[in-house]
Structures are given as C-alpha cells and as structure tokens.
C-alpha cells in the first residue's frame, strides 16, 4: 500500500508554474485536442499548428490579466426588453450602409462592366419537341455504357493509340476472331437511337459550310453551321459575320485577329 501511495503522489497531474506573477498552465504538455477544448471554451479560433494554439492561449492569458474584471453577464441577460432599441438602430444603420454601397460615385465609367460582358455569352439553343429531347437523353445514357473502340495492339505502339479505331483484317487476328481479353469491335448492336442520329449534343442538325453563300436558306431554330477545316481566316470571318446576321450558331467558331485587309 505504501508503494502504491508513493507512485500516486510521485506522478504529477499537470505541471503548473508561475509566469510573470500569474498562474499559467504548461500548454506544451497538453495534446492538441486538449488545447482545442481550451480554445473553444474561451471562444478563440481553433485552426493552426500546436505552436499557434499555445501562442494563442498565452496571448489570451495576457489580455485577461491586463484588462479589469468584467461585469457579470447575469444582469445583461435579465435586461431583455431594453435590447430592442439598439436592434432597430442597427437596422437603420444597415439601410444607410446599403445606400452608400450603391452610390453612383463609386463607379467612374459605365464601361467598367464591358469586360464582364465579354467573358461569356449564352449559346444559342435549338427549338426541339419532347420526342427529340427524350431521344437525346437516351443517346447520352447509351454512350456512357458503350466501350471504347481501340485499334488492334493499341497498347503496344503509341502511334496506334492515337489513330483511332481500325477494323482488324488479318487472318490470324485474335481480335477479329473475338477471343477473350481482346478489345471489342464496332458492330451494329452498338448503334444509338435513330431519332437522335446525326444530331449535335445540343440538338442542332449540323450543316458543313465552306462559303458565306451556303448559309442562305438555313433554319436557325433547327440547324447549326460547322465551317470546313480548309477554310481560311478571311473567308471564315465572312461566314461569322453572315451567320450573326442570320442568327445562326457556328459550332466551331474561332477568335480571329483582324489584321490588314481582314
């Protein structure tokens, strides 16, 4: 029994020492969880490393020692009806603050918002019926389940993985013979909904264009324009201007810097 009493008395519960004439805990011996509990009790922020938590607690101890004793909080809680008037004053202050925020003098020119307008323009949407919308939704769900069609031995040579799908035609091709652990081949069964076939994901019917004259007679509510890859910047800019006049959407529009004759 004496040995047990000696052990219990020899283990200190918490190390407490004097710092600048006041009693402070040795925060370094505490864990991070205990430090955070102390910070929550004092209403201090909990984020940061252990050294930051200790420094925050020490600053709180210094501030409480320097400031005089505060009045008890019981009196403030009892005087509930008197708290209505300052709340109304705060509301009036908020109204004045909002009026100051929306003062016209804060903005020098109206052109300050032009940069925001150039960031994004809403894309034109087609006018579709319910059956076409349902077909487009069904096609997107089917395409998610469709496997990736890859060329034979795409994993062996890097150039084959970039060239897309090719049908295997060799006599000894394991992929052509549909053996196990081979890439799937494109077949008729992977076809999508016929009503949405050939439509852009937005729902437009794509029309390939190489001249500005090809835009005449197109329906802007159903059809969209895709400019050919061989068209130059000069003719492309004309197609852009003509499409904007007719209200047609250009699917592969480019930003062309007009220089010289362009």
C-alpha atoms as a PDB file:
ATOM      1  CA  UNK A   1       0.000   0.000   0.000  1.00  0.00           C
ATOM      2  CA  UNK A   2       2.807   2.391   0.776  1.00  0.00           C
ATOM      3  CA  UNK A   3       4.395   1.763  -2.629  1.00  0.00           C
ATOM      4  CA  UNK A   4       1.111   2.489  -4.368  1.00  0.00           C
ATOM      5  CA  UNK A   5       0.704   5.730  -2.412  1.00  0.00           C
ATOM      6  CA  UNK A   6       4.230   6.773  -3.315  1.00  0.00           C
ATOM      7  CA  UNK A   7       3.548   6.114  -7.010  1.00  0.00           C
ATOM      8  CA  UNK A   8       0.319   8.083  -6.958  1.00  0.00           C
ATOM      9  CA  UNK A   9       1.962  11.038  -5.252  1.00  0.00           C
ATOM     10  CA  UNK A  10       5.047  10.947  -7.497  1.00  0.00           C
ATOM     11  CA  UNK A  11       3.045  11.307 -10.797  1.00  0.00           C
ATOM     12  CA  UNK A  12       2.046  14.987 -11.273  1.00  0.00           C
ATOM     13  CA  UNK A  13      -1.419  15.571 -12.652  1.00  0.00           C
ATOM     14  CA  UNK A  14      -0.488  18.736 -14.620  1.00  0.00           C
ATOM     15  CA  UNK A  15       2.649  20.851 -14.465  1.00  0.00           C
ATOM     16  CA  UNK A  16       1.711  24.338 -13.264  1.00  0.00           C
ATOM     17  CA  UNK A  17       4.261  27.110 -12.845  1.00  0.00           C
ATOM     18  CA  UNK A  18       4.415  30.862 -12.279  1.00  0.00           C
ATOM     19  CA  UNK A  19       4.944  33.199 -15.278  1.00  0.00           C
ATOM     20  CA  UNK A  20       5.200  36.977 -14.651  1.00  0.00           C
ATOM     21  CA  UNK A  21       3.498  36.703 -11.325  1.00  0.00           C
ATOM     22  CA  UNK A  22       0.397  34.857 -12.687  1.00  0.00           C
ATOM     23  CA  UNK A  23      -0.572  31.172 -12.728  1.00  0.00           C
ATOM     24  CA  UNK A  24      -0.480  29.612 -16.224  1.00  0.00           C
ATOM     25  CA  UNK A  25      -0.661  26.005 -17.378  1.00  0.00           C
ATOM     26  CA  UNK A  26       2.196  24.335 -19.180  1.00  0.00           C
ATOM     27  CA  UNK A  27       0.425  24.136 -22.535  1.00  0.00           C
ATOM     28  CA  UNK A  28       3.319  22.295 -24.128  1.00  0.00           C
ATOM     29  CA  UNK A  29       2.493  19.152 -22.128  1.00  0.00           C
ATOM     30  CA  UNK A  30      -1.118  19.137 -23.360  1.00  0.00           C
ATOM     31  CA  UNK A  31      -2.280  17.389 -26.501  1.00  0.00           C
ATOM     32  CA  UNK A  32      -3.729  19.185 -29.498  1.00  0.00           C
ATOM     33  CA  UNK A  33      -7.250  18.006 -28.647  1.00  0.00           C
ATOM     34  CA  UNK A  34      -6.964  19.412 -25.122  1.00  0.00           C
ATOM     35  CA  UNK A  35      -5.632  22.700 -26.445  1.00  0.00           C
ATOM     36  CA  UNK A  36      -8.551  22.973 -28.843  1.00  0.00           C
ATOM     37  CA  UNK A  37     -11.022  22.360 -26.000  1.00  0.00           C
ATOM     38  CA  UNK A  38      -9.478  25.232 -24.049  1.00  0.00           C
ATOM     39  CA  UNK A  39      -9.692  27.482 -27.096  1.00  0.00           C
ATOM     40  CA  UNK A  40     -13.355  26.588 -27.640  1.00  0.00           C
ATOM     41  CA  UNK A  41     -14.147  27.413 -24.016  1.00  0.00           C
ATOM     42  CA  UNK A  42     -12.538  30.843 -24.413  1.00  0.00           C
ATOM     43  CA  UNK A  43     -14.154  31.494 -27.779  1.00  0.00           C
ATOM     44  CA  UNK A  44     -10.876  31.613 -29.702  1.00  0.00           C
ATOM     45  CA  UNK A  45     -10.171  30.164 -33.192  1.00  0.00           C
ATOM     46  CA  UNK A  46      -9.083  26.528 -33.277  1.00  0.00           C
ATOM     47  CA  UNK A  47      -7.186  26.384 -36.598  1.00  0.00           C
ATOM     48  CA  UNK A  48      -3.403  26.166 -36.834  1.00  0.00           C
ATOM     49  CA  UNK A  49      -0.492  24.105 -35.560  1.00  0.00           C
ATOM     50  CA  UNK A  50       0.210  23.249 -31.934  1.00  0.00           C
ATOM     51  CA  UNK A  51       2.647  26.137 -31.581  1.00  0.00           C
ATOM     52  CA  UNK A  52      -0.004  28.545 -32.877  1.00  0.00           C
ATOM     53  CA  UNK A  53      -2.572  27.187 -30.421  1.00  0.00           C
ATOM     54  CA  UNK A  54      -0.155  27.633 -27.494  1.00  0.00           C
ATOM     55  CA  UNK A  55       0.709  31.175 -28.573  1.00  0.00           C
ATOM     56  CA  UNK A  56      -2.998  31.986 -28.880  1.00  0.00           C
ATOM     57  CA  UNK A  57      -3.678  30.722 -25.351  1.00  0.00           C
ATOM     58  CA  UNK A  58      -0.743  32.697 -23.933  1.00  0.00           C
ATOM     59  CA  UNK A  59      -1.989  35.867 -25.623  1.00  0.00           C
ATOM     60  CA  UNK A  60      -5.429  35.252 -24.163  1.00  0.00           C
ATOM     61  CA  UNK A  61      -3.960  34.857 -20.672  1.00  0.00           C
ATOM     62  CA  UNK A  62      -2.001  38.096 -21.036  1.00  0.00           C
ATOM     63  CA  UNK A  63      -5.060  40.002 -22.242  1.00  0.00           C
ATOM     64  CA  UNK A  64      -7.252  38.741 -19.393  1.00  0.00           C
ATOM     65  CA  UNK A  65      -4.578  39.660 -16.850  1.00  0.00           C
ATOM     66  CA  UNK A  66      -4.171  43.177 -18.299  1.00  0.00           C
ATOM     67  CA  UNK A  67      -7.902  44.044 -18.599  1.00  0.00           C
ATOM     68  CA  UNK A  68     -10.015  44.695 -15.473  1.00  0.00           C
ATOM     69  CA  UNK A  69     -12.730  42.336 -14.343  1.00  0.00           C
ATOM     70  CA  UNK A  70     -15.830  42.480 -16.484  1.00  0.00           C
ATOM     71  CA  UNK A  71     -19.323  42.889 -15.146  1.00  0.00           C
ATOM     72  CA  UNK A  72     -21.339  39.710 -14.575  1.00  0.00           C
ATOM     73  CA  UNK A  73     -23.343  38.529 -17.546  1.00  0.00           C
ATOM     74  CA  UNK A  74     -26.467  37.803 -15.495  1.00  0.00           C
ATOM     75  CA  UNK A  75     -27.511  41.451 -15.485  1.00  0.00           C
ATOM     76  CA  UNK A  76     -27.294  41.711 -19.276  1.00  0.00           C
ATOM     77  CA  UNK A  77     -29.431  38.608 -19.697  1.00  0.00           C
ATOM     78  CA  UNK A  78     -32.158  39.894 -17.385  1.00  0.00           C
ATOM     79  CA  UNK A  79     -32.475  43.192 -19.251  1.00  0.00           C
ATOM     80  CA  UNK A  80     -34.003  41.660 -22.375  1.00  0.00           C
ATOM     81  CA  UNK A  81     -36.688  44.295 -23.166  1.00  0.00           C
ATOM     82  CA  UNK A  82     -34.089  47.089 -23.342  1.00  0.00           C
ATOM     83  CA  UNK A  83     -32.223  45.291 -26.180  1.00  0.00           C
ATOM     84  CA  UNK A  84     -34.935  46.068 -28.748  1.00  0.00           C
ATOM     85  CA  UNK A  85     -33.962  49.692 -29.347  1.00  0.00           C
ATOM     86  CA  UNK A  86     -30.315  49.075 -30.396  1.00  0.00           C
ATOM     87  CA  UNK A  87     -31.504  46.377 -32.826  1.00  0.00           C
ATOM     88  CA  UNK A  88     -33.717  48.896 -34.587  1.00  0.00           C
ATOM     89  CA  UNK A  89     -30.826  51.342 -34.730  1.00  0.00           C
ATOM     90  CA  UNK A  90     -28.644  48.651 -36.294  1.00  0.00           C
ATOM     91  CA  UNK A  91     -31.288  48.062 -38.966  1.00  0.00           C
ATOM     92  CA  UNK A  92     -31.290  51.735 -39.791  1.00  0.00           C
ATOM     93  CA  UNK A  93     -27.513  51.720 -39.968  1.00  0.00           C
ATOM     94  CA  UNK A  94     -27.630  48.770 -42.374  1.00  0.00           C
ATOM     95  CA  UNK A  95     -30.053  50.643 -44.612  1.00  0.00           C
ATOM     96  CA  UNK A  96     -27.740  53.646 -44.661  1.00  0.00           C
ATOM     97  CA  UNK A  97     -24.803  51.353 -45.412  1.00  0.00           C
ATOM     98  CA  UNK A  98     -26.629  49.767 -48.345  1.00  0.00           C
ATOM     99  CA  UNK A  99     -27.480  53.196 -49.738  1.00  0.00           C
ATOM    100  CA  UNK A 100     -23.827  54.186 -49.525  1.00  0.00           C
ATOM    101  CA  UNK A 101     -22.773  50.996 -51.290  1.00  0.00           C
ATOM    102  CA  UNK A 102     -24.939  51.670 -54.334  1.00  0.00           C
ATOM    103  CA  UNK A 103     -23.812  55.245 -54.745  1.00  0.00           C
ATOM    104  CA  UNK A 104     -23.135  56.205 -58.354  1.00  0.00           C
ATOM    105  CA  UNK A 105     -19.894  57.960 -57.416  1.00  0.00           C
ATOM    106  CA  UNK A 106     -18.168  54.619 -56.737  1.00  0.00           C
ATOM    107  CA  UNK A 107     -18.143  53.772 -60.442  1.00  0.00           C
ATOM    108  CA  UNK A 108     -16.188  56.073 -62.691  1.00  0.00           C
ATOM    109  CA  UNK A 109     -17.489  54.976 -66.087  1.00  0.00           C
ATOM    110  CA  UNK A 110     -20.175  52.679 -67.381  1.00  0.00           C
ATOM    111  CA  UNK A 111     -17.536  50.848 -69.393  1.00  0.00           C
ATOM    112  CA  UNK A 112     -16.293  49.029 -66.279  1.00  0.00           C
ATOM    113  CA  UNK A 113     -18.789  46.235 -66.940  1.00  0.00           C
ATOM    114  CA  UNK A 114     -17.791  45.694 -70.567  1.00  0.00           C
ATOM    115  CA  UNK A 115     -15.005  43.305 -69.544  1.00  0.00           C
ATOM    116  CA  UNK A 116     -17.530  41.111 -67.720  1.00  0.00           C
ATOM    117  CA  UNK A 117     -19.858  41.070 -70.720  1.00  0.00           C
ATOM    118  CA  UNK A 118     -17.090  39.746 -72.970  1.00  0.00           C
ATOM    119  CA  UNK A 119     -16.278  36.815 -70.693  1.00  0.00           C
ATOM    120  CA  UNK A 120     -19.284  34.670 -71.535  1.00  0.00           C
ATOM    121  CA  UNK A 121     -22.179  34.821 -73.960  1.00  0.00           C
ATOM    122  CA  UNK A 122     -25.096  32.426 -73.756  1.00  0.00           C
ATOM    123  CA  UNK A 123     -25.016  29.872 -76.558  1.00  0.00           C
ATOM    124  CA  UNK A 124     -27.955  29.571 -78.871  1.00  0.00           C
ATOM    125  CA  UNK A 125     -30.214  26.578 -78.201  1.00  0.00           C
ATOM    126  CA  UNK A 126     -32.429  24.777 -80.724  1.00  0.00           C
ATOM    127  CA  UNK A 127     -36.203  24.527 -80.589  1.00  0.00           C
ATOM    128  CA  UNK A 128     -36.896  20.816 -80.001  1.00  0.00           C
ATOM    129  CA  UNK A 129     -40.006  18.771 -79.389  1.00  0.00           C
ATOM    130  CA  UNK A 130     -40.368  16.383 -76.461  1.00  0.00           C
ATOM    131  CA  UNK A 131     -39.619  13.261 -78.506  1.00  0.00           C
ATOM    132  CA  UNK A 132     -36.282  14.663 -79.719  1.00  0.00           C
ATOM    133  CA  UNK A 133     -35.301  15.730 -76.201  1.00  0.00           C
ATOM    134  CA  UNK A 134     -36.086  12.240 -74.927  1.00  0.00           C
ATOM    135  CA  UNK A 135     -34.063  10.688 -77.764  1.00  0.00           C
ATOM    136  CA  UNK A 136     -31.036  12.891 -76.987  1.00  0.00           C
ATOM    137  CA  UNK A 137     -31.215  11.961 -73.319  1.00  0.00           C
ATOM    138  CA  UNK A 138     -31.446   8.266 -74.153  1.00  0.00           C
ATOM    139  CA  UNK A 139     -28.488   8.555 -76.554  1.00  0.00           C
ATOM    140  CA  UNK A 140     -26.305  10.153 -73.867  1.00  0.00           C
ATOM    141  CA  UNK A 141     -27.160   7.328 -71.467  1.00  0.00           C
ATOM    142  CA  UNK A 142     -26.303   4.727 -74.116  1.00  0.00           C
ATOM    143  CA  UNK A 143     -22.983   6.387 -74.943  1.00  0.00           C
ATOM    144  CA  UNK A 144     -21.935   6.183 -71.283  1.00  0.00           C
ATOM    145  CA  UNK A 145     -22.319   2.396 -71.364  1.00  0.00           C
ATOM    146  CA  UNK A 146     -20.562   1.994 -74.711  1.00  0.00           C
ATOM    147  CA  UNK A 147     -16.955   0.679 -74.522  1.00  0.00           C
ATOM    148  CA  UNK A 148     -14.046   2.459 -76.153  1.00  0.00           C
ATOM    149  CA  UNK A 149     -13.232   1.051 -79.565  1.00  0.00           C
ATOM    150  CA  UNK A 150      -9.467   0.853 -79.963  1.00  0.00           C
ATOM    151  CA  UNK A 151      -7.171  -0.303 -82.697  1.00  0.00           C
ATOM    152  CA  UNK A 152      -5.534  -3.724 -82.540  1.00  0.00           C
ATOM    153  CA  UNK A 153      -2.403  -3.713 -80.306  1.00  0.00           C
ATOM    154  CA  UNK A 154      -3.004  -0.101 -79.321  1.00  0.00           C
ATOM    155  CA  UNK A 155      -1.258  -0.805 -76.017  1.00  0.00           C
ATOM    156  CA  UNK A 156       1.960  -1.902 -77.750  1.00  0.00           C
ATOM    157  CA  UNK A 157       2.629   1.082 -80.015  1.00  0.00           C
ATOM    158  CA  UNK A 158       1.922   4.676 -79.124  1.00  0.00           C
ATOM    159  CA  UNK A 159       1.102   5.716 -82.688  1.00  0.00           C
ATOM    160  CA  UNK A 160      -1.683   3.122 -82.865  1.00  0.00           C
ATOM    161  CA  UNK A 161      -3.417   4.545 -79.793  1.00  0.00           C
ATOM    162  CA  UNK A 162      -3.730   7.947 -81.484  1.00  0.00           C
ATOM    163  CA  UNK A 163      -5.045   6.847 -84.885  1.00  0.00           C
ATOM    164  CA  UNK A 164      -8.479   5.781 -83.655  1.00  0.00           C
ATOM    165  CA  UNK A 165     -10.327   2.575 -84.485  1.00  0.00           C
ATOM    166  CA  UNK A 166      -9.489   0.292 -87.414  1.00  0.00           C
ATOM    167  CA  UNK A 167     -11.245  -2.930 -88.254  1.00  0.00           C
ATOM    168  CA  UNK A 168      -8.871  -5.921 -87.906  1.00  0.00           C
ATOM    169  CA  UNK A 169      -8.451  -7.736 -91.226  1.00  0.00           C
ATOM    170  CA  UNK A 170      -5.676 -10.237 -90.545  1.00  0.00           C
ATOM    171  CA  UNK A 171      -6.338 -13.958 -90.960  1.00  0.00           C
ATOM    172  CA  UNK A 172      -4.713 -14.770 -87.608  1.00  0.00           C
ATOM    173  CA  UNK A 173      -6.063 -11.744 -85.740  1.00  0.00           C
ATOM    174  CA  UNK A 174      -7.342 -12.727 -82.292  1.00  0.00           C
ATOM    175  CA  UNK A 175      -9.412  -9.563 -82.132  1.00  0.00           C
ATOM    176  CA  UNK A 176     -11.172 -10.461 -85.389  1.00  0.00           C
ATOM    177  CA  UNK A 177     -11.878 -13.961 -84.047  1.00  0.00           C
ATOM    178  CA  UNK A 178     -13.488 -12.479 -80.897  1.00  0.00           C
ATOM    179  CA  UNK A 179     -11.194 -14.251 -78.463  1.00  0.00           C
ATOM    180  CA  UNK A 180     -11.091 -13.461 -74.779  1.00  0.00           C
ATOM    181  CA  UNK A 181      -9.363 -10.396 -73.336  1.00  0.00           C
ATOM    182  CA  UNK A 182      -9.366  -8.588 -76.683  1.00  0.00           C
ATOM    183  CA  UNK A 183     -10.724  -5.127 -77.412  1.00  0.00           C
ATOM    184  CA  UNK A 184     -14.341  -5.066 -78.657  1.00  0.00           C
ATOM    185  CA  UNK A 185     -15.073  -4.368 -82.294  1.00  0.00           C
ATOM    186  CA  UNK A 186     -17.604  -1.833 -83.545  1.00  0.00           C
ATOM    187  CA  UNK A 187     -20.836  -3.606 -84.504  1.00  0.00           C
ATOM    188  CA  UNK A 188     -24.387  -2.803 -85.455  1.00  0.00           C
ATOM    189  CA  UNK A 189     -25.603  -3.572 -81.946  1.00  0.00           C
ATOM    190  CA  UNK A 190     -23.806  -0.523 -80.542  1.00  0.00           C
ATOM    191  CA  UNK A 191     -26.000   1.842 -82.584  1.00  0.00           C
ATOM    192  CA  UNK A 192     -27.898   4.622 -80.831  1.00  0.00           C
ATOM    193  CA  UNK A 193     -31.436   5.932 -81.098  1.00  0.00           C
ATOM    194  CA  UNK A 194     -32.352   6.585 -84.730  1.00  0.00           C
ATOM    195  CA  UNK A 195     -34.263   9.788 -83.891  1.00  0.00           C
ATOM    196  CA  UNK A 196     -31.127  11.427 -82.445  1.00  0.00           C
ATOM    197  CA  UNK A 197     -28.697  10.064 -85.039  1.00  0.00           C
ATOM    198  CA  UNK A 198     -26.572  12.745 -86.703  1.00  0.00           C
ATOM    199  CA  UNK A 199     -27.557  15.494 -84.252  1.00  0.00           C
ATOM    200  CA  UNK A 200     -25.162  17.660 -82.274  1.00  0.00           C
ATOM    201  CA  UNK A 201     -25.242  17.068 -78.477  1.00  0.00           C
ATOM    202  CA  UNK A 202     -27.058  20.394 -78.162  1.00  0.00           C
ATOM    203  CA  UNK A 203     -29.762  19.136 -80.553  1.00  0.00           C
ATOM    204  CA  UNK A 204     -28.808  21.083 -83.677  1.00  0.00           C
ATOM    205  CA  UNK A 205     -28.558  19.494 -87.094  1.00  0.00           C
ATOM    206  CA  UNK A 206     -25.011  20.144 -88.322  1.00  0.00           C
ATOM    207  CA  UNK A 207     -24.508  21.663 -91.772  1.00  0.00           C
ATOM    208  CA  UNK A 208     -20.995  21.749 -93.261  1.00  0.00           C
ATOM    209  CA  UNK A 209     -20.230  25.114 -94.842  1.00  0.00           C
ATOM    210  CA  UNK A 210     -17.318  26.391 -96.959  1.00  0.00           C
ATOM    211  CA  UNK A 211     -18.713  29.713 -98.208  1.00  0.00           C
ATOM    212  CA  UNK A 212     -20.859  32.501 -96.825  1.00  0.00           C
ATOM    213  CA  UNK A 213     -23.393  31.859 -99.606  1.00  0.00           C
ATOM    214  CA  UNK A 214     -24.103  28.396 -98.197  1.00  0.00           C
ATOM    215  CA  UNK A 215     -25.802  29.968 -95.160  1.00  0.00           C
ATOM    216  CA  UNK A 216     -28.812  31.165 -97.131  1.00  0.00           C
ATOM    217  CA  UNK A 217     -31.952  29.119 -96.586  1.00  0.00           C
ATOM    218  CA  UNK A 218     -30.868  27.518 -93.275  1.00  0.00           C
ATOM    219  CA  UNK A 219     -33.243  27.359 -90.323  1.00  0.00           C
ATOM    220  CA  UNK A 220     -31.645  28.924 -87.203  1.00  0.00           C
ATOM    221  CA  UNK A 221     -34.062  27.066 -84.907  1.00  0.00           C
ATOM    222  CA  UNK A 222     -33.038  23.590 -86.103  1.00  0.00           C
ATOM    223  CA  UNK A 223     -29.728  23.837 -87.957  1.00  0.00           C
ATOM    224  CA  UNK A 224     -26.245  24.948 -86.911  1.00  0.00           C
ATOM    225  CA  UNK A 225     -23.174  25.685 -89.020  1.00  0.00           C
ATOM    226  CA  UNK A 226     -19.820  23.895 -88.956  1.00  0.00           C
ATOM    227  CA  UNK A 227     -17.109  25.532 -91.063  1.00  0.00           C
ATOM    228  CA  UNK A 228     -14.787  23.278 -93.045  1.00  0.00           C
ATOM    229  CA  UNK A 229     -11.223  22.878 -91.799  1.00  0.00           C
ATOM    230  CA  UNK A 230      -9.715  24.040 -95.110  1.00  0.00           C
ATOM    231  CA  UNK A 231     -11.411  27.461 -94.947  1.00  0.00           C
ATOM    232  CA  UNK A 232      -9.006  30.362 -94.323  1.00  0.00           C
ATOM    233  CA  UNK A 233      -9.370  33.218 -91.866  1.00  0.00           C
ATOM    234  CA  UNK A 234     -10.526  35.710 -94.481  1.00  0.00           C
ATOM    235  CA  UNK A 235     -13.449  33.603 -95.677  1.00  0.00           C
ATOM    236  CA  UNK A 236     -14.084  32.322 -92.150  1.00  0.00           C
ATOM    237  CA  UNK A 237     -14.579  35.844 -90.810  1.00  0.00           C
ATOM    238  CA  UNK A 238     -17.113  36.495 -93.585  1.00  0.00           C
ATOM    239  CA  UNK A 239     -19.006  33.357 -92.597  1.00  0.00           C
ATOM    240  CA  UNK A 240     -19.008  34.514 -88.965  1.00  0.00           C
ATOM    241  CA  UNK A 241     -20.459  37.903 -89.867  1.00  0.00           C
ATOM    242  CA  UNK A 242     -23.084  36.407 -92.167  1.00  0.00           C
ATOM    243  CA  UNK A 243     -24.091  33.828 -89.542  1.00  0.00           C
ATOM    244  CA  UNK A 244     -24.537  36.572 -86.944  1.00  0.00           C
ATOM    245  CA  UNK A 245     -26.793  38.471 -89.343  1.00  0.00           C
ATOM    246  CA  UNK A 246     -28.972  35.411 -89.987  1.00  0.00           C
ATOM    247  CA  UNK A 247     -28.974  34.304 -86.323  1.00  0.00           C
ATOM    248  CA  UNK A 248     -27.185  31.005 -86.992  1.00  0.00           C
ATOM    249  CA  UNK A 249     -24.923  29.306 -84.487  1.00  0.00           C
ATOM    250  CA  UNK A 250     -21.368  28.433 -85.558  1.00  0.00           C
ATOM    251  CA  UNK A 251     -20.254  25.286 -83.746  1.00  0.00           C
ATOM    252  CA  UNK A 252     -16.518  25.694 -84.405  1.00  0.00           C
ATOM    253  CA  UNK A 253     -16.186  29.459 -84.113  1.00  0.00           C
ATOM    254  CA  UNK A 254     -12.646  30.833 -83.746  1.00  0.00           C
ATOM    255  CA  UNK A 255     -11.266  34.096 -82.439  1.00  0.00           C
ATOM    256  CA  UNK A 256      -9.688  35.761 -85.470  1.00  0.00           C
ATOM    257  CA  UNK A 257      -7.471  38.807 -85.037  1.00  0.00           C
ATOM    258  CA  UNK A 258      -8.309  41.116 -87.899  1.00  0.00           C
ATOM    259  CA  UNK A 259      -5.106  42.494 -89.373  1.00  0.00           C
ATOM    260  CA  UNK A 260      -4.614  44.396 -92.593  1.00  0.00           C
ATOM    261  CA  UNK A 261      -7.306  43.526 -95.120  1.00  0.00           C
ATOM    262  CA  UNK A 262      -9.146  41.092 -92.816  1.00  0.00           C
END
